[in-house]
Amino acid sequence: VRSILRTPGLRKEERGARERAREL
């Protein structure tokens, strides 16, 4: 549901994941 609706919480989680991936 969050993925379909592209909720603000999901977008924040995705940004955090991308930053963590860059750190790794």
mmCIF file of all heavy atoms, coordinates in Angstrom:
data_MODEL
# 
_entry.id   MODEL 
# 
loop_
_atom_site.group_PDB 
_atom_site.id 
_atom_site.type_symbol 
_atom_site.label_atom_id 
_atom_site.label_alt_id 
_atom_site.label_comp_id 
_atom_site.label_asym_id 
_atom_site.label_entity_id 
_atom_site.label_seq_id 
_atom_site.pdbx_PDB_ins_code 
_atom_site.Cartn_x 
_atom_site.Cartn_y 
_atom_site.Cartn_z 
_atom_site.occupancy 
_atom_site.B_iso_or_equiv 
_atom_site.pdbx_formal_charge 
_atom_site.auth_seq_id 
_atom_site.auth_comp_id 
_atom_site.auth_asym_id 
_atom_site.auth_atom_id 
_atom_site.pdbx_PDB_model_num 
ATOM 1   N N   . VAL A 1 1  ? 0.838  -1.204 0.000  1.00 0.00 ? 1  VAL A N   1 
ATOM 2   C CA  . VAL A 1 1  ? 0.000  0.000  0.000  1.00 0.00 ? 1  VAL A CA  1 
ATOM 3   C C   . VAL A 1 1  ? 0.875  1.258  0.000  1.00 0.00 ? 1  VAL A C   1 
ATOM 4   O O   . VAL A 1 1  ? 0.643  2.180  -0.785 1.00 0.00 ? 1  VAL A O   1 
ATOM 5   C CB  . VAL A 1 1  ? -0.969 -0.008 1.211  1.00 0.00 ? 1  VAL A CB  1 
ATOM 6   C CG1 . VAL A 1 1  ? -1.714 1.311  1.309  1.00 0.00 ? 1  VAL A CG1 1 
ATOM 7   C CG2 . VAL A 1 1  ? -1.929 -1.171 1.101  1.00 0.00 ? 1  VAL A CG2 1 
ATOM 8   N N   . ARG A 1 2  ? 1.878  1.293  0.875  1.00 0.00 ? 2  ARG A N   1 
ATOM 9   C CA  . ARG A 1 2  ? 2.770  2.470  0.929  1.00 0.00 ? 2  ARG A CA  1 
ATOM 10  C C   . ARG A 1 2  ? 3.495  2.656  -0.398 1.00 0.00 ? 2  ARG A C   1 
ATOM 11  O O   . ARG A 1 2  ? 3.728  3.783  -0.831 1.00 0.00 ? 2  ARG A O   1 
ATOM 12  C CB  . ARG A 1 2  ? 3.793  2.316  2.063  1.00 0.00 ? 2  ARG A CB  1 
ATOM 13  C CG  . ARG A 1 2  ? 3.187  2.494  3.442  1.00 0.00 ? 2  ARG A CG  1 
ATOM 14  C CD  . ARG A 1 2  ? 4.212  2.294  4.536  1.00 0.00 ? 2  ARG A CD  1 
ATOM 15  N NE  . ARG A 1 2  ? 5.214  3.339  4.507  1.00 0.00 ? 2  ARG A NE  1 
ATOM 16  C CZ  . ARG A 1 2  ? 6.425  3.215  5.039  1.00 0.00 ? 2  ARG A CZ  1 
ATOM 17  N NH1 . ARG A 1 2  ? 6.784  2.079  5.596  1.00 0.00 ? 2  ARG A NH1 1 
ATOM 18  N NH2 . ARG A 1 2  ? 7.273  4.199  4.994  1.00 0.00 ? 2  ARG A NH2 1 
ATOM 19  N N   . SER A 1 3  ? 3.863  1.547  -1.051 1.00 0.00 ? 3  SER A N   1 
ATOM 20  C CA  . SER A 1 3  ? 4.570  1.637  -2.335 1.00 0.00 ? 3  SER A CA  1 
ATOM 21  C C   . SER A 1 3  ? 3.663  2.186  -3.433 1.00 0.00 ? 3  SER A C   1 
ATOM 22  O O   . SER A 1 3  ? 4.097  2.995  -4.251 1.00 0.00 ? 3  SER A O   1 
ATOM 23  C CB  . SER A 1 3  ? 5.100  0.261  -2.748 1.00 0.00 ? 3  SER A CB  1 
ATOM 24  O OG  . SER A 1 3  ? 6.055  -0.177 -1.819 1.00 0.00 ? 3  SER A OG  1 
ATOM 25  N N   . ILE A 1 4  ? 2.413  1.754  -3.453 1.00 0.00 ? 4  ILE A N   1 
ATOM 26  C CA  . ILE A 1 4  ? 1.476  2.230  -4.470 1.00 0.00 ? 4  ILE A CA  1 
ATOM 27  C C   . ILE A 1 4  ? 1.166  3.715  -4.262 1.00 0.00 ? 4  ILE A C   1 
ATOM 28  O O   . ILE A 1 4  ? 1.155  4.503  -5.203 1.00 0.00 ? 4  ILE A O   1 
ATOM 29  C CB  . ILE A 1 4  ? 0.177  1.391  -4.451 1.00 0.00 ? 4  ILE A CB  1 
ATOM 30  C CG1 . ILE A 1 4  ? 0.473  -0.025 -4.941 1.00 0.00 ? 4  ILE A CG1 1 
ATOM 31  C CG2 . ILE A 1 4  ? -0.910 2.041  -5.308 1.00 0.00 ? 4  ILE A CG2 1 
ATOM 32  C CD1 . ILE A 1 4  ? -0.671 -1.005 -4.757 1.00 0.00 ? 4  ILE A CD1 1 
ATOM 33  N N   . LEU A 1 5  ? 0.937  4.099  -2.996 1.00 0.00 ? 5  LEU A N   1 
ATOM 34  C CA  . LEU A 1 5  ? 0.554  5.477  -2.686 1.00 0.00 ? 5  LEU A CA  1 
ATOM 35  C C   . LEU A 1 5  ? 1.748  6.434  -2.621 1.00 0.00 ? 5  LEU A C   1 
ATOM 36  O O   . LEU A 1 5  ? 1.555  7.650  -2.596 1.00 0.00 ? 5  LEU A O   1 
ATOM 37  C CB  . LEU A 1 5  ? -0.217 5.522  -1.358 1.00 0.00 ? 5  LEU A CB  1 
ATOM 38  C CG  . LEU A 1 5  ? -1.534 4.750  -1.335 1.00 0.00 ? 5  LEU A CG  1 
ATOM 39  C CD1 . LEU A 1 5  ? -2.159 4.800  0.056  1.00 0.00 ? 5  LEU A CD1 1 
ATOM 40  C CD2 . LEU A 1 5  ? -2.498 5.304  -2.380 1.00 0.00 ? 5  LEU A CD2 1 
ATOM 41  N N   . ARG A 1 6  ? 2.968  5.858  -2.596 1.00 0.00 ? 6  ARG A N   1 
ATOM 42  C CA  . ARG A 1 6  ? 4.192  6.680  -2.519 1.00 0.00 ? 6  ARG A CA  1 
ATOM 43  C C   . ARG A 1 6  ? 4.089  7.671  -1.354 1.00 0.00 ? 6  ARG A C   1 
ATOM 44  O O   . ARG A 1 6  ? 4.246  8.874  -1.519 1.00 0.00 ? 6  ARG A O   1 
ATOM 45  C CB  . ARG A 1 6  ? 4.452  7.419  -3.832 1.00 0.00 ? 6  ARG A CB  1 
ATOM 46  C CG  . ARG A 1 6  ? 4.591  6.550  -5.062 1.00 0.00 ? 6  ARG A CG  1 
ATOM 47  C CD  . ARG A 1 6  ? 5.856  5.754  -5.150 1.00 0.00 ? 6  ARG A CD  1 
ATOM 48  N NE  . ARG A 1 6  ? 7.025  6.608  -5.079 1.00 0.00 ? 6  ARG A NE  1 
ATOM 49  C CZ  . ARG A 1 6  ? 8.174  6.246  -4.545 1.00 0.00 ? 6  ARG A CZ  1 
ATOM 50  N NH1 . ARG A 1 6  ? 8.310  5.035  -4.059 1.00 0.00 ? 6  ARG A NH1 1 
ATOM 51  N NH2 . ARG A 1 6  ? 9.186  7.044  -4.491 1.00 0.00 ? 6  ARG A NH2 1 
ATOM 52  N N   . THR A 1 7  ? 3.806  7.152  -0.186 1.00 0.00 ? 7  THR A N   1 
ATOM 53  C CA  . THR A 1 7  ? 3.607  7.985  0.996  1.00 0.00 ? 7  THR A CA  1 
ATOM 54  C C   . THR A 1 7  ? 4.902  8.716  1.367  1.00 0.00 ? 7  THR A C   1 
ATOM 55  O O   . THR A 1 7  ? 6.007  8.275  1.012  1.00 0.00 ? 7  THR A O   1 
ATOM 56  C CB  . THR A 1 7  ? 3.172  7.119  2.194  1.00 0.00 ? 7  THR A CB  1 
ATOM 57  O OG1 . THR A 1 7  ? 4.231  6.210  2.510  1.00 0.00 ? 7  THR A OG1 1 
ATOM 58  C CG2 . THR A 1 7  ? 1.887  6.360  1.892  1.00 0.00 ? 7  THR A CG2 1 
ATOM 59  N N   . PRO A 1 8  ? 4.780  9.845  2.104  1.00 0.00 ? 8  PRO A N   1 
ATOM 60  C CA  . PRO A 1 8  ? 5.979  10.567 2.545  1.00 0.00 ? 8  PRO A CA  1 
ATOM 61  C C   . PRO A 1 8  ? 6.918  9.672  3.366  1.00 0.00 ? 8  PRO A C   1 
ATOM 62  O O   . PRO A 1 8  ? 8.133  9.764  3.237  1.00 0.00 ? 8  PRO A O   1 
ATOM 63  C CB  . PRO A 1 8  ? 5.419  11.708 3.395  1.00 0.00 ? 8  PRO A CB  1 
ATOM 64  C CG  . PRO A 1 8  ? 4.035  11.929 2.870  1.00 0.00 ? 8  PRO A CG  1 
ATOM 65  C CD  . PRO A 1 8  ? 3.545  10.575 2.449  1.00 0.00 ? 8  PRO A CD  1 
ATOM 66  N N   . GLY A 1 9  ? 6.333  8.801  4.194  1.00 0.00 ? 9  GLY A N   1 
ATOM 67  C CA  . GLY A 1 9  ? 7.158  7.892  4.996  1.00 0.00 ? 9  GLY A CA  1 
ATOM 68  C C   . GLY A 1 9  ? 7.974  6.949  4.131  1.00 0.00 ? 9  GLY A C   1 
ATOM 69  O O   . GLY A 1 9  ? 9.147  6.678  4.414  1.00 0.00 ? 9  GLY A O   1 
ATOM 70  N N   . LEU A 1 10 ? 7.365  6.461  3.064  1.00 0.00 ? 10 LEU A N   1 
ATOM 71  C CA  . LEU A 1 10 ? 8.072  5.558  2.153  1.00 0.00 ? 10 LEU A CA  1 
ATOM 72  C C   . LEU A 1 10 ? 9.197  6.302  1.442  1.00 0.00 ? 10 LEU A C   1 
ATOM 73  O O   . LEU A 1 10 ? 10.307 5.790  1.334  1.00 0.00 ? 10 LEU A O   1 
ATOM 74  C CB  . LEU A 1 10 ? 7.104  4.963  1.130  1.00 0.00 ? 10 LEU A CB  1 
ATOM 75  C CG  . LEU A 1 10 ? 7.792  4.081  0.079  1.00 0.00 ? 10 LEU A CG  1 
ATOM 76  C CD1 . LEU A 1 10 ? 8.144  2.732  0.681  1.00 0.00 ? 10 LEU A CD1 1 
ATOM 77  C CD2 . LEU A 1 10 ? 6.916  3.907  -1.139 1.00 0.00 ? 10 LEU A CD2 1 
ATOM 78  N N   . ARG A 1 11 ? 8.909  7.511  0.957  1.00 0.00 ? 11 ARG A N   1 
ATOM 79  C CA  . ARG A 1 11 ? 9.940  8.285  0.260  1.00 0.00 ? 11 ARG A CA  1 
ATOM 80  C C   . ARG A 1 11 ? 11.119 8.587  1.187  1.00 0.00 ? 11 ARG A C   1 
ATOM 81  O O   . ARG A 1 11 ? 12.265 8.522  0.781  1.00 0.00 ? 11 ARG A O   1 
ATOM 82  C CB  . ARG A 1 11 ? 9.339  9.569  -0.324 1.00 0.00 ? 11 ARG A CB  1 
ATOM 83  C CG  . ARG A 1 11 ? 8.394  9.289  -1.499 1.00 0.00 ? 11 ARG A CG  1 
ATOM 84  C CD  . ARG A 1 11 ? 8.067  10.538 -2.296 1.00 0.00 ? 11 ARG A CD  1 
ATOM 85  N NE  . ARG A 1 11 ? 7.493  11.610 -1.512 1.00 0.00 ? 11 ARG A NE  1 
ATOM 86  C CZ  . ARG A 1 11 ? 6.190  11.784 -1.283 1.00 0.00 ? 11 ARG A CZ  1 
ATOM 87  N NH1 . ARG A 1 11 ? 5.302  10.925 -1.789 1.00 0.00 ? 11 ARG A NH1 1 
ATOM 88  N NH2 . ARG A 1 11 ? 5.756  12.801 -0.570 1.00 0.00 ? 11 ARG A NH2 1 
ATOM 89  N N   . LYS A 1 12 ? 10.828 8.877  2.444  1.00 0.00 ? 12 LYS A N   1 
ATOM 90  C CA  . LYS A 1 12 ? 11.889 9.126  3.426  1.00 0.00 ? 12 LYS A CA  1 
ATOM 91  C C   . LYS A 1 12 ? 12.723 7.863  3.645  1.00 0.00 ? 12 LYS A C   1 
ATOM 92  O O   . LYS A 1 12 ? 13.957 7.916  3.708  1.00 0.00 ? 12 LYS A O   1 
ATOM 93  C CB  . LYS A 1 12 ? 11.278 9.600  4.744  1.00 0.00 ? 12 LYS A CB  1 
ATOM 94  C CG  . LYS A 1 12 ? 12.309 9.909  5.802  1.00 0.00 ? 12 LYS A CG  1 
ATOM 95  C CD  . LYS A 1 12 ? 11.663 10.400 7.078  1.00 0.00 ? 12 LYS A CD  1 
ATOM 96  C CE  . LYS A 1 12 ? 12.728 10.657 8.133  1.00 0.00 ? 12 LYS A CE  1 
ATOM 97  N NZ  . LYS A 1 12 ? 12.150 11.042 9.428  1.00 0.00 ? 12 LYS A NZ  1 
ATOM 98  N N   . GLU A 1 13 ? 12.049 6.717  3.766  1.00 0.00 ? 13 GLU A N   1 
ATOM 99  C CA  . GLU A 1 13 ? 12.758 5.453  3.956  1.00 0.00 ? 13 GLU A CA  1 
ATOM 100 C C   . GLU A 1 13 ? 13.649 5.146  2.750  1.00 0.00 ? 13 GLU A C   1 
ATOM 101 O O   . GLU A 1 13 ? 14.789 4.713  2.900  1.00 0.00 ? 13 GLU A O   1 
ATOM 102 C CB  . GLU A 1 13 ? 11.759 4.315  4.179  1.00 0.00 ? 13 GLU A CB  1 
ATOM 103 C CG  . GLU A 1 13 ? 12.430 2.981  4.476  1.00 0.00 ? 13 GLU A CG  1 
ATOM 104 C CD  . GLU A 1 13 ? 11.433 1.861  4.727  1.00 0.00 ? 13 GLU A CD  1 
ATOM 105 O OE1 . GLU A 1 13 ? 10.433 1.766  3.989  1.00 0.00 ? 13 GLU A OE1 1 
ATOM 106 O OE2 . GLU A 1 13 ? 11.700 1.063  5.640  1.00 0.00 ? 13 GLU A OE2 1 
ATOM 107 N N   . GLU A 1 14 ? 13.149 5.398  1.548  1.00 0.00 ? 14 GLU A N   1 
ATOM 108 C CA  . GLU A 1 14 ? 13.939 5.158  0.329  1.00 0.00 ? 14 GLU A CA  1 
ATOM 109 C C   . GLU A 1 14 ? 15.167 6.072  0.271  1.00 0.00 ? 14 GLU A C   1 
ATOM 110 O O   . GLU A 1 14 ? 16.254 5.633  -0.102 1.00 0.00 ? 14 GLU A O   1 
ATOM 111 C CB  . GLU A 1 14 ? 13.073 5.363  -0.917 1.00 0.00 ? 14 GLU A CB  1 
ATOM 112 C CG  . GLU A 1 14 ? 12.081 4.249  -1.140 1.00 0.00 ? 14 GLU A CG  1 
ATOM 113 C CD  . GLU A 1 14 ? 11.155 4.512  -2.324 1.00 0.00 ? 14 GLU A CD  1 
ATOM 114 O OE1 . GLU A 1 14 ? 11.098 5.671  -2.830 1.00 0.00 ? 14 GLU A OE1 1 
ATOM 115 O OE2 . GLU A 1 14 ? 10.477 3.556  -2.748 1.00 0.00 ? 14 GLU A OE2 1 
ATOM 116 N N   . ARG A 1 15 ? 15.007 7.349  0.648  1.00 0.00 ? 15 ARG A N   1 
ATOM 117 C CA  . ARG A 1 15 ? 16.162 8.271  0.678  1.00 0.00 ? 15 ARG A CA  1 
ATOM 118 C C   . ARG A 1 15 ? 17.203 7.779  1.671  1.00 0.00 ? 15 ARG A C   1 
ATOM 119 O O   . ARG A 1 15 ? 18.396 7.777  1.393  1.00 0.00 ? 15 ARG A O   1 
ATOM 120 C CB  . ARG A 1 15 ? 15.710 9.690  1.040  1.00 0.00 ? 15 ARG A CB  1 
ATOM 121 C CG  . ARG A 1 15 ? 15.083 10.467 -0.108 1.00 0.00 ? 15 ARG A CG  1 
ATOM 122 C CD  . ARG A 1 15 ? 14.934 11.943 0.223  1.00 0.00 ? 15 ARG A CD  1 
ATOM 123 N NE  . ARG A 1 15 ? 14.182 12.198 1.453  1.00 0.00 ? 15 ARG A NE  1 
ATOM 124 C CZ  . ARG A 1 15 ? 12.857 12.301 1.532  1.00 0.00 ? 15 ARG A CZ  1 
ATOM 125 N NH1 . ARG A 1 15 ? 12.106 12.164 0.447  1.00 0.00 ? 15 ARG A NH1 1 
ATOM 126 N NH2 . ARG A 1 15 ? 12.276 12.538 2.695  1.00 0.00 ? 15 ARG A NH2 1 
ATOM 127 N N   . GLY A 1 16 ? 16.734 7.356  2.839  1.00 0.00 ? 16 GLY A N   1 
ATOM 128 C CA  . GLY A 1 16 ? 17.651 6.828  3.853  1.00 0.00 ? 16 GLY A CA  1 
ATOM 129 C C   . GLY A 1 16 ? 18.377 5.581  3.376  1.00 0.00 ? 16 GLY A C   1 
ATOM 130 O O   . GLY A 1 16 ? 19.581 5.403  3.626  1.00 0.00 ? 16 GLY A O   1 
ATOM 131 N N   . ALA A 1 17 ? 17.669 4.719  2.672  1.00 0.00 ? 17 ALA A N   1 
ATOM 132 C CA  . ALA A 1 17 ? 18.273 3.487  2.152  1.00 0.00 ? 17 ALA A CA  1 
ATOM 133 C C   . ALA A 1 17 ? 19.347 3.811  1.119  1.00 0.00 ? 17 ALA A C   1 
ATOM 134 O O   . ALA A 1 17 ? 20.425 3.213  1.122  1.00 0.00 ? 17 ALA A O   1 
ATOM 135 C CB  . ALA A 1 17 ? 17.201 2.586  1.544  1.00 0.00 ? 17 ALA A CB  1 
ATOM 136 N N   . ARG A 1 18 ? 19.070 4.777  0.242  1.00 0.00 ? 18 ARG A N   1 
ATOM 137 C CA  . ARG A 1 18 ? 20.063 5.158  -0.771 1.00 0.00 ? 18 ARG A CA  1 
ATOM 138 C C   . ARG A 1 18 ? 21.317 5.739  -0.120 1.00 0.00 ? 18 ARG A C   1 
ATOM 139 O O   . ARG A 1 18 ? 22.430 5.432  -0.538 1.00 0.00 ? 18 ARG A O   1 
ATOM 140 C CB  . ARG A 1 18 ? 19.466 6.164  -1.763 1.00 0.00 ? 18 ARG A CB  1 
ATOM 141 C CG  . ARG A 1 18 ? 18.498 5.535  -2.729 1.00 0.00 ? 18 ARG A CG  1 
ATOM 142 C CD  . ARG A 1 18 ? 17.996 6.533  -3.776 1.00 0.00 ? 18 ARG A CD  1 
ATOM 143 N NE  . ARG A 1 18 ? 17.292 5.850  -4.822 1.00 0.00 ? 18 ARG A NE  1 
ATOM 144 C CZ  . ARG A 1 18 ? 17.862 5.197  -5.830 1.00 0.00 ? 18 ARG A CZ  1 
ATOM 145 N NH1 . ARG A 1 18 ? 19.161 5.134  -5.907 1.00 0.00 ? 18 ARG A NH1 1 
ATOM 146 N NH2 . ARG A 1 18 ? 17.136 4.584  -6.738 1.00 0.00 ? 18 ARG A NH2 1 
ATOM 147 N N   . GLU A 1 19 ? 21.143 6.553  0.903  1.00 0.00 ? 19 GLU A N   1 
ATOM 148 C CA  . GLU A 1 19 ? 22.303 7.137  1.586  1.00 0.00 ? 19 GLU A CA  1 
ATOM 149 C C   . GLU A 1 19 ? 23.111 6.046  2.286  1.00 0.00 ? 19 GLU A C   1 
ATOM 150 O O   . GLU A 1 19 ? 24.336 6.034  2.238  1.00 0.00 ? 19 GLU A O   1 
ATOM 151 C CB  . GLU A 1 19 ? 21.861 8.215  2.579  1.00 0.00 ? 19 GLU A CB  1 
ATOM 152 C CG  . GLU A 1 19 ? 23.021 8.923  3.249  1.00 0.00 ? 19 GLU A CG  1 
ATOM 153 C CD  . GLU A 1 19 ? 24.071 9.464  2.278  1.00 0.00 ? 19 GLU A CD  1 
ATOM 154 O OE1 . GLU A 1 19 ? 23.719 10.001 1.205  1.00 0.00 ? 19 GLU A OE1 1 
ATOM 155 O OE2 . GLU A 1 19 ? 25.280 9.316  2.582  1.00 0.00 ? 19 GLU A OE2 1 
ATOM 156 N N   . ARG A 1 20 ? 22.410 5.128  2.941  1.00 0.00 ? 20 ARG A N   1 
ATOM 157 C CA  . ARG A 1 20 ? 23.099 4.012  3.617  1.00 0.00 ? 20 ARG A CA  1 
ATOM 158 C C   . ARG A 1 20 ? 23.843 3.157  2.592  1.00 0.00 ? 20 ARG A C   1 
ATOM 159 O O   . ARG A 1 20 ? 24.972 2.727  2.831  1.00 0.00 ? 20 ARG A O   1 
ATOM 160 C CB  . ARG A 1 20 ? 22.083 3.163  4.390  1.00 0.00 ? 20 ARG A CB  1 
ATOM 161 C CG  . ARG A 1 20 ? 22.677 1.953  5.070  1.00 0.00 ? 20 ARG A CG  1 
ATOM 162 C CD  . ARG A 1 20 ? 23.564 2.325  6.227  1.00 0.00 ? 20 ARG A CD  1 
ATOM 163 N NE  . ARG A 1 20 ? 24.096 1.130  6.861  1.00 0.00 ? 20 ARG A NE  1 
ATOM 164 C CZ  . ARG A 1 20 ? 25.336 0.996  7.270  1.00 0.00 ? 20 ARG A CZ  1 
ATOM 165 N NH1 . ARG A 1 20 ? 26.193 1.987  7.163  1.00 0.00 ? 20 ARG A NH1 1 
ATOM 166 N NH2 . ARG A 1 20 ? 25.752 -0.119 7.813  1.00 0.00 ? 20 ARG A NH2 1 
ATOM 167 N N   . ALA A 1 21 ? 23.240 2.906  1.429  1.00 0.00 ? 21 ALA A N   1 
ATOM 168 C CA  . ALA A 1 21 ? 23.896 2.119  0.382  1.00 0.00 ? 21 ALA A CA  1 
ATOM 169 C C   . ALA A 1 21 ? 25.164 2.820  -0.090 1.00 0.00 ? 21 ALA A C   1 
ATOM 170 O O   . ALA A 1 21 ? 26.209 2.180  -0.295 1.00 0.00 ? 21 ALA A O   1 
ATOM 171 C CB  . ALA A 1 21 ? 22.940 1.890  -0.792 1.00 0.00 ? 21 ALA A CB  1 
ATOM 172 N N   . ARG A 1 22 ? 25.103 4.147  -0.254 1.00 0.00 ? 22 ARG A N   1 
ATOM 173 C CA  . ARG A 1 22 ? 26.311 4.900  -0.655 1.00 0.00 ? 22 ARG A CA  1 
ATOM 174 C C   . ARG A 1 22 ? 27.398 4.803  0.412  1.00 0.00 ? 22 ARG A C   1 
ATOM 175 O O   . ARG A 1 22 ? 28.572 4.671  0.098  1.00 0.00 ? 22 ARG A O   1 
ATOM 176 C CB  . ARG A 1 22 ? 25.950 6.363  -0.932 1.00 0.00 ? 22 ARG A CB  1 
ATOM 177 C CG  . ARG A 1 22 ? 25.173 6.549  -2.218 1.00 0.00 ? 22 ARG A CG  1 
ATOM 178 C CD  . ARG A 1 22 ? 24.941 8.035  -2.536 1.00 0.00 ? 22 ARG A CD  1 
ATOM 179 N NE  . ARG A 1 22 ? 24.124 8.162  -3.708 1.00 0.00 ? 22 ARG A NE  1 
ATOM 180 C CZ  . ARG A 1 22 ? 22.806 8.338  -3.711 1.00 0.00 ? 22 ARG A CZ  1 
ATOM 181 N NH1 . ARG A 1 22 ? 22.150 8.443  -2.569 1.00 0.00 ? 22 ARG A NH1 1 
ATOM 182 N NH2 . ARG A 1 22 ? 22.136 8.432  -4.838 1.00 0.00 ? 22 ARG A NH2 1 
ATOM 183 N N   . GLU A 1 23 ? 26.996 4.869  1.686  1.00 0.00 ? 23 GLU A N   1 
ATOM 184 C CA  . GLU A 1 23 ? 27.961 4.731  2.782  1.00 0.00 ? 23 GLU A CA  1 
ATOM 185 C C   . GLU A 1 23 ? 28.634 3.360  2.734  1.00 0.00 ? 23 GLU A C   1 
ATOM 186 O O   . GLU A 1 23 ? 29.852 3.257  2.939  1.00 0.00 ? 23 GLU A O   1 
ATOM 187 C CB  . GLU A 1 23 ? 27.261 4.903  4.134  1.00 0.00 ? 23 GLU A CB  1 
ATOM 188 C CG  . GLU A 1 23 ? 26.850 6.313  4.454  1.00 0.00 ? 23 GLU A CG  1 
ATOM 189 C CD  . GLU A 1 23 ? 26.021 6.389  5.735  1.00 0.00 ? 23 GLU A CD  1 
ATOM 190 O OE1 . GLU A 1 23 ? 25.895 5.358  6.450  1.00 0.00 ? 23 GLU A OE1 1 
ATOM 191 O OE2 . GLU A 1 23 ? 25.487 7.467  6.017  1.00 0.00 ? 23 GLU A OE2 1 
ATOM 192 N N   . LEU A 1 24 ? 27.851 2.312  2.488  1.00 0.00 ? 24 LEU A N   1 
ATOM 193 C CA  . LEU A 1 24 ? 28.417 0.962  2.423  1.00 0.00 ? 24 LEU A CA  1 
ATOM 194 C C   . LEU A 1 24 ? 29.378 0.818  1.253  1.00 0.00 ? 24 LEU A C   1 
ATOM 195 O O   . LEU A 1 24 ? 30.431 0.178  1.377  1.00 0.00 ? 24 LEU A O   1 
ATOM 196 C CB  . LEU A 1 24 ? 27.302 -0.085 2.344  1.00 0.00 ? 24 LEU A CB  1 
ATOM 197 C CG  . LEU A 1 24 ? 26.532 -0.313 3.639  1.00 0.00 ? 24 LEU A CG  1 
ATOM 198 C CD1 . LEU A 1 24 ? 25.295 -1.160 3.389  1.00 0.00 ? 24 LEU A CD1 1 
ATOM 199 C CD2 . LEU A 1 24 ? 27.428 -0.956 4.688  1.00 0.00 ? 24 LEU A CD2 1 
# 
